[in-house]
Amino acid sequence: MGDGSVRPVDRGKPSAALIEFIESKPEVLSNILKKRRPKALIPGCGKGYDVVALALHGFDTYGLEISGKGAATARQSGLPSDHINNQIYQSDQSI
């Protein structure tokens, strides 16, 4: 923690609440995916763990991150772009 490489909020995996939802409500996800390919916007996506988790479960995902370093790391997630539309946007901070 002292070297600045990992912040306390960076657990290295998707949020606990998202993991719990995905694991405990498979019928909800199944019903959503039957109708259409859903889209998910993850503001403050950090390194993109939630973006990846939802993309791997059938969502078109879009992450929004103000940190250039976080957005750059998220872009390197390795998601196969041929069947997953995952996009990470960096805020221009001009607001």
PDB file of N, CA and C in Angstrom:
ATOM      1  N   MET A   1       0.823  -1.190   0.000  1.00  0.00           N
ATOM      2  CA  MET A   1       0.000   0.000   0.000  1.00  0.00           C
ATOM      3  C   MET A   1       0.866   1.253   0.000  1.00  0.00           C
ATOM      4  N   GLY A   2       2.031   1.221   0.591  1.00  0.00           N
ATOM      5  CA  GLY A   2       2.869   2.394   0.661  1.00  0.00           C
ATOM      6  C   GLY A   2       3.517   2.787  -0.652  1.00  0.00           C
ATOM      7  N   ASP A   3       3.610   1.844  -1.599  1.00  0.00           N
ATOM      8  CA  ASP A   3       4.257   2.171  -2.868  1.00  0.00           C
ATOM      9  C   ASP A   3       3.316   2.820  -3.868  1.00  0.00           C
ATOM     10  N   GLY A   4       2.041   2.919  -3.561  1.00  0.00           N
ATOM     11  CA  GLY A   4       1.080   3.586  -4.433  1.00  0.00           C
ATOM     12  C   GLY A   4       0.553   2.725  -5.565  1.00  0.00           C
ATOM     13  N   SER A   5       0.991   1.472  -5.665  1.00  0.00           N
ATOM     14  CA  SER A   5       0.561   0.639  -6.790  1.00  0.00           C
ATOM     15  C   SER A   5      -0.847   0.079  -6.609  1.00  0.00           C
ATOM     16  N   VAL A   6      -1.272  -0.148  -5.388  1.00  0.00           N
ATOM     17  CA  VAL A   6      -2.610  -0.684  -5.140  1.00  0.00           C
ATOM     18  C   VAL A   6      -3.302   0.189  -4.107  1.00  0.00           C
ATOM     19  N   ARG A   7      -4.432   0.700  -4.488  1.00  0.00           N
ATOM     20  CA  ARG A   7      -5.202   1.523  -3.560  1.00  0.00           C
ATOM     21  C   ARG A   7      -6.153   0.625  -2.770  1.00  0.00           C
ATOM     22  N   PRO A   8      -6.568   1.031  -1.582  1.00  0.00           N
ATOM     23  CA  PRO A   8      -7.457   0.198  -0.767  1.00  0.00           C
ATOM     24  C   PRO A   8      -8.743  -0.215  -1.485  1.00  0.00           C
ATOM     25  N   VAL A   9      -9.227   0.593  -2.427  1.00  0.00           N
ATOM     26  CA  VAL A   9     -10.464   0.244  -3.122  1.00  0.00           C
ATOM     27  C   VAL A   9     -10.217  -0.719  -4.281  1.00  0.00           C
ATOM     28  N   ASP A  10      -8.981  -0.978  -4.645  1.00  0.00           N
ATOM     29  CA  ASP A  10      -8.663  -1.900  -5.731  1.00  0.00           C
ATOM     30  C   ASP A  10      -8.454  -3.293  -5.147  1.00  0.00           C
ATOM     31  N   ARG A  11      -9.506  -4.112  -5.243  1.00  0.00           N
ATOM     32  CA  ARG A  11      -9.441  -5.464  -4.691  1.00  0.00           C
ATOM     33  C   ARG A  11      -8.906  -6.466  -5.704  1.00  0.00           C
ATOM     34  N   GLY A  12      -8.722  -6.035  -6.951  1.00  0.00           N
ATOM     35  CA  GLY A  12      -8.212  -6.939  -7.967  1.00  0.00           C
ATOM     36  C   GLY A  12      -9.252  -7.869  -8.553  1.00  0.00           C
ATOM     37  N   LYS A  13     -10.521  -7.578  -8.299  1.00  0.00           N
ATOM     38  CA  LYS A  13     -11.611  -8.401  -8.831  1.00  0.00           C
ATOM     39  C   LYS A  13     -12.899  -7.580  -8.820  1.00  0.00           C
ATOM     40  N   PRO A  14     -13.954  -8.092  -9.455  1.00  0.00           N
ATOM     41  CA  PRO A  14     -15.225  -7.345  -9.469  1.00  0.00           C
ATOM     42  C   PRO A  14     -15.751  -7.108  -8.056  1.00  0.00           C
ATOM     43  N   SER A  15     -16.654  -6.150  -7.940  1.00  0.00           N
ATOM     44  CA  SER A  15     -17.219  -5.819  -6.630  1.00  0.00           C
ATOM     45  C   SER A  15     -17.960  -7.022  -6.049  1.00  0.00           C
ATOM     46  N   ALA A  16     -17.918  -7.131  -4.738  1.00  0.00           N
ATOM     47  CA  ALA A  16     -18.571  -8.247  -4.049  1.00  0.00           C
ATOM     48  C   ALA A  16     -20.065  -8.287  -4.349  1.00  0.00           C
ATOM     49  N   ALA A  17     -20.701  -7.124  -4.412  1.00  0.00           N
ATOM     50  CA  ALA A  17     -22.141  -7.073  -4.682  1.00  0.00           C
ATOM     51  C   ALA A  17     -22.457  -7.599  -6.082  1.00  0.00           C
ATOM     52  N   LEU A  18     -21.621  -7.266  -7.059  1.00  0.00           N
ATOM     53  CA  LEU A  18     -21.849  -7.751  -8.422  1.00  0.00           C
ATOM     54  C   LEU A  18     -21.651  -9.264  -8.496  1.00  0.00           C
ATOM     55  N   ILE A  19     -20.600  -9.757  -7.885  1.00  0.00           N
ATOM     56  CA  ILE A  19     -20.355 -11.204  -7.866  1.00  0.00           C
ATOM     57  C   ILE A  19     -21.527 -11.928  -7.210  1.00  0.00           C
ATOM     58  N   GLU A  20     -21.991 -11.406  -6.083  1.00  0.00           N
ATOM     59  CA  GLU A  20     -23.120 -12.028  -5.378  1.00  0.00           C
ATOM     60  C   GLU A  20     -24.368 -12.047  -6.257  1.00  0.00           C
ATOM     61  N   PHE A  21     -24.641 -10.939  -6.948  1.00  0.00           N
ATOM     62  CA  PHE A  21     -25.815 -10.879  -7.821  1.00  0.00           C
ATOM     63  C   PHE A  21     -25.710 -11.912  -8.944  1.00  0.00           C
ATOM     64  N   ILE A  22     -24.570 -11.956  -9.600  1.00  0.00           N
ATOM     65  CA  ILE A  22     -24.379 -12.887 -10.718  1.00  0.00           C
ATOM     66  C   ILE A  22     -24.541 -14.335 -10.251  1.00  0.00           C
ATOM     67  N   GLU A  23     -23.965 -14.650  -9.099  1.00  0.00           N
ATOM     68  CA  GLU A  23     -24.013 -16.026  -8.604  1.00  0.00           C
ATOM     69  C   GLU A  23     -25.357 -16.410  -8.003  1.00  0.00           C
ATOM     70  N   SER A  24     -26.057 -15.456  -7.397  1.00  0.00           N
ATOM     71  CA  SER A  24     -27.299 -15.799  -6.698  1.00  0.00           C
ATOM     72  C   SER A  24     -28.558 -15.600  -7.528  1.00  0.00           C
ATOM     73  N   LYS A  25     -28.463 -14.926  -8.659  1.00  0.00           N
ATOM     74  CA  LYS A  25     -29.646 -14.630  -9.474  1.00  0.00           C
ATOM     75  C   LYS A  25     -29.461 -15.051 -10.932  1.00  0.00           C
ATOM     76  N   PRO A  26     -29.050 -16.280 -11.196  1.00  0.00           N
ATOM     77  CA  PRO A  26     -28.841 -16.673 -12.594  1.00  0.00           C
ATOM     78  C   PRO A  26     -30.116 -16.598 -13.429  1.00  0.00           C
ATOM     79  N   GLU A  27     -31.267 -16.812 -12.798  1.00  0.00           N
ATOM     80  CA  GLU A  27     -32.534 -16.745 -13.537  1.00  0.00           C
ATOM     81  C   GLU A  27     -32.839 -15.327 -14.004  1.00  0.00           C
ATOM     82  N   VAL A  28     -32.449 -14.338 -13.240  1.00  0.00           N
ATOM     83  CA  VAL A  28     -32.660 -12.943 -13.637  1.00  0.00           C
ATOM     84  C   VAL A  28     -31.802 -12.629 -14.864  1.00  0.00           C
ATOM     85  N   LEU A  29     -30.534 -13.006 -14.811  1.00  0.00           N
ATOM     86  CA  LEU A  29     -29.651 -12.774 -15.957  1.00  0.00           C
ATOM     87  C   LEU A  29     -30.139 -13.530 -17.184  1.00  0.00           C
ATOM     88  N   SER A  30     -30.581 -14.753 -16.985  1.00  0.00           N
ATOM     89  CA  SER A  30     -31.081 -15.555 -18.103  1.00  0.00           C
ATOM     90  C   SER A  30     -32.277 -14.892 -18.773  1.00  0.00           C
ATOM     91  N   ASN A  31     -33.213 -14.379 -17.974  1.00  0.00           N
ATOM     92  CA  ASN A  31     -34.397 -13.704 -18.521  1.00  0.00           C
ATOM     93  C   ASN A  31     -34.022 -12.432 -19.274  1.00  0.00           C
ATOM     94  N   ILE A  32     -33.078 -11.690 -18.748  1.00  0.00           N
ATOM     95  CA  ILE A  32     -32.631 -10.457 -19.406  1.00  0.00           C
ATOM     96  C   ILE A  32     -31.991 -10.788 -20.751  1.00  0.00           C
ATOM     97  N   LEU A  33     -31.132 -11.791 -20.765  1.00  0.00           N
ATOM     98  CA  LEU A  33     -30.389 -12.137 -21.978  1.00  0.00           C
ATOM     99  C   LEU A  33     -31.265 -12.772 -23.051  1.00  0.00           C
ATOM    100  N   LYS A  34     -32.391 -13.363 -22.664  1.00  0.00           N
ATOM    101  CA  LYS A  34     -33.313 -13.952 -23.647  1.00  0.00           C
ATOM    102  C   LYS A  34     -33.959 -12.877 -24.510  1.00  0.00           C
ATOM    103  N   LYS A  35     -34.199 -11.714 -23.927  1.00  0.00           N
ATOM    104  CA  LYS A  35     -34.918 -10.641 -24.617  1.00  0.00           C
ATOM    105  C   LYS A  35     -34.021  -9.866 -25.574  1.00  0.00           C
ATOM    106  N   ARG A  36     -32.819  -9.572 -25.146  1.00  0.00           N
ATOM    107  CA  ARG A  36     -31.907  -8.761 -25.956  1.00  0.00           C
ATOM    108  C   ARG A  36     -30.535  -8.782 -25.282  1.00  0.00           C
ATOM    109  N   ARG A  37     -29.555  -8.288 -25.989  1.00  0.00           N
ATOM    110  CA  ARG A  37     -28.221  -8.154 -25.383  1.00  0.00           C
ATOM    111  C   ARG A  37     -28.218  -6.840 -24.603  1.00  0.00           C
ATOM    112  N   PRO A  38     -28.230  -6.906 -23.283  1.00  0.00           N
ATOM    113  CA  PRO A  38     -28.319  -5.685 -22.477  1.00  0.00           C
ATOM    114  C   PRO A  38     -27.024  -4.885 -22.487  1.00  0.00           C
ATOM    115  N   LYS A  39     -27.164  -3.615 -22.187  1.00  0.00           N
ATOM    116  CA  LYS A  39     -26.016  -2.712 -22.088  1.00  0.00           C
ATOM    117  C   LYS A  39     -25.831  -2.339 -20.621  1.00  0.00           C
ATOM    118  N   ALA A  40     -24.587  -2.142 -20.236  1.00  0.00           N
ATOM    119  CA  ALA A  40     -24.283  -1.744 -18.865  1.00  0.00           C
ATOM    120  C   ALA A  40     -23.249  -0.626 -18.892  1.00  0.00           C
ATOM    121  N   LEU A  41     -23.526   0.453 -18.172  1.00  0.00           N
ATOM    122  CA  LEU A  41     -22.583   1.553 -17.997  1.00  0.00           C
ATOM    123  C   LEU A  41     -22.054   1.473 -16.577  1.00  0.00           C
ATOM    124  N   ILE A  42     -20.746   1.436 -16.441  1.00  0.00           N
ATOM    125  CA  ILE A  42     -20.126   1.368 -15.126  1.00  0.00           C
ATOM    126  C   ILE A  42     -19.322   2.642 -14.915  1.00  0.00           C
ATOM    127  N   PRO A  43     -19.924   3.651 -14.256  1.00  0.00           N
ATOM    128  CA  PRO A  43     -19.180   4.881 -13.965  1.00  0.00           C
ATOM    129  C   PRO A  43     -18.164   4.614 -12.855  1.00  0.00           C
ATOM    130  N   GLY A  44     -17.010   5.247 -12.967  1.00  0.00           N
ATOM    131  CA  GLY A  44     -15.961   5.022 -11.969  1.00  0.00           C
ATOM    132  C   GLY A  44     -15.476   3.582 -12.016  1.00  0.00           C
ATOM    133  N   CYS A  45     -15.252   3.068 -13.228  1.00  0.00           N
ATOM    134  CA  CYS A  45     -14.965   1.638 -13.409  1.00  0.00           C
ATOM    135  C   CYS A  45     -13.570   1.225 -12.960  1.00  0.00           C
ATOM    136  N   GLY A  46     -12.719   2.188 -12.626  1.00  0.00           N
ATOM    137  CA  GLY A  46     -11.374   1.833 -12.175  1.00  0.00           C
ATOM    138  C   GLY A  46     -10.637   1.030 -13.224  1.00  0.00           C
ATOM    139  N   LYS A  47     -10.111  -0.111 -12.823  1.00  0.00           N
ATOM    140  CA  LYS A  47      -9.347  -0.956 -13.740  1.00  0.00           C
ATOM    141  C   LYS A  47     -10.237  -1.873 -14.571  1.00  0.00           C
ATOM    142  N   GLY A  48     -11.542  -1.754 -14.431  1.00  0.00           N
ATOM    143  CA  GLY A  48     -12.463  -2.448 -15.323  1.00  0.00           C
ATOM    144  C   GLY A  48     -12.925  -3.827 -14.899  1.00  0.00           C
ATOM    145  N   TYR A  49     -12.744  -4.194 -13.647  1.00  0.00           N
ATOM    146  CA  TYR A  49     -13.135  -5.534 -13.210  1.00  0.00           C
ATOM    147  C   TYR A  49     -14.634  -5.791 -13.410  1.00  0.00           C
ATOM    148  N   ASP A  50     -15.475  -4.818 -13.054  1.00  0.00           N
ATOM    149  CA  ASP A  50     -16.923  -4.993 -13.236  1.00  0.00           C
ATOM    150  C   ASP A  50     -17.291  -4.985 -14.719  1.00  0.00           C
ATOM    151  N   VAL A  51     -16.571  -4.199 -15.514  1.00  0.00           N
ATOM    152  CA  VAL A  51     -16.799  -4.159 -16.963  1.00  0.00           C
ATOM    153  C   VAL A  51     -16.560  -5.548 -17.547  1.00  0.00           C
ATOM    154  N   VAL A  52     -15.460  -6.168 -17.167  1.00  0.00           N
ATOM    155  CA  VAL A  52     -15.117  -7.499 -17.663  1.00  0.00           C
ATOM    156  C   VAL A  52     -16.141  -8.529 -17.194  1.00  0.00           C
ATOM    157  N   ALA A  53     -16.494  -8.485 -15.909  1.00  0.00           N
ATOM    158  CA  ALA A  53     -17.436  -9.475 -15.366  1.00  0.00           C
ATOM    159  C   ALA A  53     -18.766  -9.446 -16.105  1.00  0.00           C
ATOM    160  N   LEU A  54     -19.306  -8.264 -16.319  1.00  0.00           N
ATOM    161  CA  LEU A  54     -20.594  -8.174 -17.015  1.00  0.00           C
ATOM    162  C   LEU A  54     -20.461  -8.538 -18.490  1.00  0.00           C
ATOM    163  N   ALA A  55     -19.362  -8.149 -19.116  1.00  0.00           N
ATOM    164  CA  ALA A  55     -19.155  -8.500 -20.528  1.00  0.00           C
ATOM    165  C   ALA A  55     -19.091 -10.014 -20.703  1.00  0.00           C
ATOM    166  N   LEU A  56     -18.435 -10.680 -19.790  1.00  0.00           N
ATOM    167  CA  LEU A  56     -18.324 -12.135 -19.880  1.00  0.00           C
ATOM    168  C   LEU A  56     -19.647 -12.844 -19.604  1.00  0.00           C
ATOM    169  N   HIS A  57     -20.604 -12.115 -19.058  1.00  0.00           N
ATOM    170  CA  HIS A  57     -21.945 -12.667 -18.822  1.00  0.00           C
ATOM    171  C   HIS A  57     -22.953 -12.173 -19.853  1.00  0.00           C
ATOM    172  N   GLY A  58     -22.476 -11.655 -20.984  1.00  0.00           N
ATOM    173  CA  GLY A  58     -23.358 -11.344 -22.100  1.00  0.00           C
ATOM    174  C   GLY A  58     -23.782  -9.901 -22.274  1.00  0.00           C
ATOM    175  N   PHE A  59     -23.255  -8.992 -21.484  1.00  0.00           N
ATOM    176  CA  PHE A  59     -23.618  -7.581 -21.588  1.00  0.00           C
ATOM    177  C   PHE A  59     -22.677  -6.851 -22.538  1.00  0.00           C
ATOM    178  N   ASP A  60     -23.206  -5.868 -23.272  1.00  0.00           N
ATOM    179  CA  ASP A  60     -22.365  -4.876 -23.933  1.00  0.00           C
ATOM    180  C   ASP A  60     -22.014  -3.885 -22.836  1.00  0.00           C
ATOM    181  N   THR A  61     -20.755  -3.758 -22.514  1.00  0.00           N
ATOM    182  CA  THR A  61     -20.369  -2.956 -21.359  1.00  0.00           C
ATOM    183  C   THR A  61     -19.594  -1.710 -21.756  1.00  0.00           C
ATOM    184  N   TYR A  62     -19.796  -0.678 -20.985  1.00  0.00           N
ATOM    185  CA  TYR A  62     -19.129   0.609 -21.192  1.00  0.00           C
ATOM    186  C   TYR A  62     -18.651   1.099 -19.833  1.00  0.00           C
ATOM    187  N   GLY A  63     -17.359   1.333 -19.701  1.00  0.00           N
ATOM    188  CA  GLY A  63     -16.811   1.841 -18.456  1.00  0.00           C
ATOM    189  C   GLY A  63     -16.434   3.304 -18.604  1.00  0.00           C
ATOM    190  N   LEU A  64     -16.616   4.066 -17.558  1.00  0.00           N
ATOM    191  CA  LEU A  64     -16.239   5.476 -17.533  1.00  0.00           C
ATOM    192  C   LEU A  64     -15.287   5.672 -16.360  1.00  0.00           C
ATOM    193  N   GLU A  65     -14.094   6.175 -16.647  1.00  0.00           N
ATOM    194  CA  GLU A  65     -13.083   6.332 -15.609  1.00  0.00           C
ATOM    195  C   GLU A  65     -12.368   7.662 -15.772  1.00  0.00           C
ATOM    196  N   ILE A  66     -12.219   8.389 -14.672  1.00  0.00           N
ATOM    197  CA  ILE A  66     -11.574   9.699 -14.693  1.00  0.00           C
ATOM    198  C   ILE A  66     -10.041   9.567 -14.673  1.00  0.00           C
ATOM    199  N   SER A  67      -9.534   8.478 -14.113  1.00  0.00           N
ATOM    200  CA  SER A  67      -8.091   8.267 -14.007  1.00  0.00           C
ATOM    201  C   SER A  67      -7.526   7.706 -15.306  1.00  0.00           C
ATOM    202  N   GLY A  68      -6.556   8.394 -15.863  1.00  0.00           N
ATOM    203  CA  GLY A  68      -5.918   7.910 -17.084  1.00  0.00           C
ATOM    204  C   GLY A  68      -5.254   6.559 -16.886  1.00  0.00           C
ATOM    205  N   LYS A  69      -4.617   6.358 -15.734  1.00  0.00           N
ATOM    206  CA  LYS A  69      -3.944   5.090 -15.448  1.00  0.00           C
ATOM    207  C   LYS A  69      -4.964   3.961 -15.312  1.00  0.00           C
ATOM    208  N   GLY A  70      -6.059   4.232 -14.617  1.00  0.00           N
ATOM    209  CA  GLY A  70      -7.103   3.215 -14.460  1.00  0.00           C
ATOM    210  C   GLY A  70      -7.722   2.842 -15.789  1.00  0.00           C
ATOM    211  N   ALA A  71      -8.027   3.840 -16.619  1.00  0.00           N
ATOM    212  CA  ALA A  71      -8.632   3.584 -17.928  1.00  0.00           C
ATOM    213  C   ALA A  71      -7.675   2.802 -18.820  1.00  0.00           C
ATOM    214  N   ALA A  72      -6.389   3.152 -18.780  1.00  0.00           N
ATOM    215  CA  ALA A  72      -5.401   2.438 -19.599  1.00  0.00           C
ATOM    216  C   ALA A  72      -5.304   0.975 -19.175  1.00  0.00           C
ATOM    217  N   THR A  73      -5.312   0.725 -17.876  1.00  0.00           N
ATOM    218  CA  THR A  73      -5.266  -0.649 -17.373  1.00  0.00           C
ATOM    219  C   THR A  73      -6.514  -1.414 -17.788  1.00  0.00           C
ATOM    220  N   ALA A  74      -7.671  -0.773 -17.692  1.00  0.00           N
ATOM    221  CA  ALA A  74      -8.927  -1.428 -18.062  1.00  0.00           C
ATOM    222  C   ALA A  74      -8.945  -1.793 -19.543  1.00  0.00           C
ATOM    223  N   ARG A  75      -8.370  -0.951 -20.375  1.00  0.00           N
ATOM    224  CA  ARG A  75      -8.339  -1.233 -21.819  1.00  0.00           C
ATOM    225  C   ARG A  75      -7.521  -2.485 -22.136  1.00  0.00           C
ATOM    226  N   GLN A  76      -6.637  -2.854 -21.250  1.00  0.00           N
ATOM    227  CA  GLN A  76      -5.774  -4.018 -21.465  1.00  0.00           C
ATOM    228  C   GLN A  76      -6.381  -5.294 -20.885  1.00  0.00           C
ATOM    229  N   SER A  77      -7.689  -5.302 -20.675  1.00  0.00           N
ATOM    230  CA  SER A  77      -8.355  -6.429 -20.019  1.00  0.00           C
ATOM    231  C   SER A  77      -8.297  -7.718 -20.814  1.00  0.00           C
ATOM    232  N   GLY A  78      -8.056  -7.621 -22.110  1.00  0.00           N
ATOM    233  CA  GLY A  78      -7.953  -8.818 -22.926  1.00  0.00           C
ATOM    234  C   GLY A  78      -9.277  -9.413 -23.358  1.00  0.00           C
ATOM    235  N   LEU A  79     -10.352  -8.659 -23.256  1.00  0.00           N
ATOM    236  CA  LEU A  79     -11.642  -9.172 -23.706  1.00  0.00           C
ATOM    237  C   LEU A  79     -11.624  -9.369 -25.214  1.00  0.00           C
ATOM    238  N   PRO A  80     -12.183 -10.460 -25.687  1.00  0.00           N
ATOM    239  CA  PRO A  80     -12.232 -10.676 -27.135  1.00  0.00           C
ATOM    240  C   PRO A  80     -13.179  -9.691 -27.798  1.00  0.00           C
ATOM    241  N   SER A  81     -12.636  -8.792 -28.590  1.00  0.00           N
ATOM    242  CA  SER A  81     -13.440  -7.712 -29.161  1.00  0.00           C
ATOM    243  C   SER A  81     -14.375  -8.177 -30.268  1.00  0.00           C
ATOM    244  N   ASP A  82     -14.190  -9.405 -30.773  1.00  0.00           N
ATOM    245  CA  ASP A  82     -15.060  -9.857 -31.847  1.00  0.00           C
ATOM    246  C   ASP A  82     -16.475 -10.165 -31.376  1.00  0.00           C
ATOM    247  N   HIS A  83     -16.657 -10.454 -30.095  1.00  0.00           N
ATOM    248  CA  HIS A  83     -18.017 -10.717 -29.632  1.00  0.00           C
ATOM    249  C   HIS A  83     -18.402  -9.950 -28.379  1.00  0.00           C
ATOM    250  N   ILE A  84     -17.534  -9.107 -27.898  1.00  0.00           N
ATOM    251  CA  ILE A  84     -17.854  -8.288 -26.730  1.00  0.00           C
ATOM    252  C   ILE A  84     -17.518  -6.841 -27.043  1.00  0.00           C
ATOM    253  N   ASN A  85     -18.507  -5.986 -26.905  1.00  0.00           N
ATOM    254  CA  ASN A  85     -18.296  -4.560 -27.133  1.00  0.00           C
ATOM    255  C   ASN A  85     -17.989  -3.925 -25.785  1.00  0.00           C
ATOM    256  N   ASN A  86     -16.743  -3.977 -25.373  1.00  0.00           N
ATOM    257  CA  ASN A  86     -16.369  -3.347 -24.114  1.00  0.00           C
ATOM    258  C   ASN A  86     -15.588  -2.083 -24.428  1.00  0.00           C
ATOM    259  N   GLN A  87     -16.020  -0.998 -23.869  1.00  0.00           N
ATOM    260  CA  GLN A  87     -15.347   0.269 -24.126  1.00  0.00           C
ATOM    261  C   GLN A  87     -15.071   0.967 -22.805  1.00  0.00           C
ATOM    262  N   ILE A  88     -13.882   1.497 -22.674  1.00  0.00           N
ATOM    263  CA  ILE A  88     -13.499   2.257 -21.492  1.00  0.00           C
ATOM    264  C   ILE A  88     -13.240   3.683 -21.950  1.00  0.00           C
ATOM    265  N   TYR A  89     -13.931   4.608 -21.338  1.00  0.00           N
ATOM    266  CA  TYR A  89     -13.764   6.019 -21.673  1.00  0.00           C
ATOM    267  C   TYR A  89     -13.105   6.731 -20.508  1.00  0.00           C
ATOM    268  N   GLN A  90     -12.199   7.631 -20.828  1.00  0.00           N
ATOM    269  CA  GLN A  90     -11.583   8.463 -19.801  1.00  0.00           C
ATOM    270  C   GLN A  90     -12.254   9.822 -19.841  1.00  0.00           C
ATOM    271  N   SER A  91     -12.636  10.318 -18.688  1.00  0.00           N
ATOM    272  CA  SER A  91     -13.256  11.636 -18.603  1.00  0.00           C
ATOM    273  C   SER A  91     -12.243  12.709 -18.973  1.00  0.00           C
ATOM    274  N   ASP A  92     -12.732  13.781 -19.588  1.00  0.00           N
ATOM    275  CA  ASP A  92     -11.830  14.892 -19.912  1.00  0.00           C
ATOM    276  C   ASP A  92     -11.629  15.822 -18.715  1.00  0.00           C
ATOM    277  N   GLN A  93     -12.314  15.581 -17.631  1.00  0.00           N
ATOM    278  CA  GLN A  93     -12.199  16.332 -16.379  1.00  0.00           C
ATOM    279  C   GLN A  93     -12.499  17.815 -16.528  1.00  0.00           C
ATOM    280  N   SER A  94     -13.147  18.221 -17.610  1.00  0.00           N
ATOM    281  CA  SER A  94     -13.405  19.645 -17.817  1.00  0.00           C
ATOM    282  C   SER A  94     -14.751  20.094 -17.258  1.00  0.00           C
ATOM    283  N   ILE A  95     -15.460  19.181 -16.665  1.00  0.00           N
ATOM    284  CA  ILE A  95     -16.791  19.516 -16.140  1.00  0.00           C
ATOM    285  C   ILE A  95     -16.670  20.267 -14.837  1.00  0.00           C
TER     286      ILE A  95
END
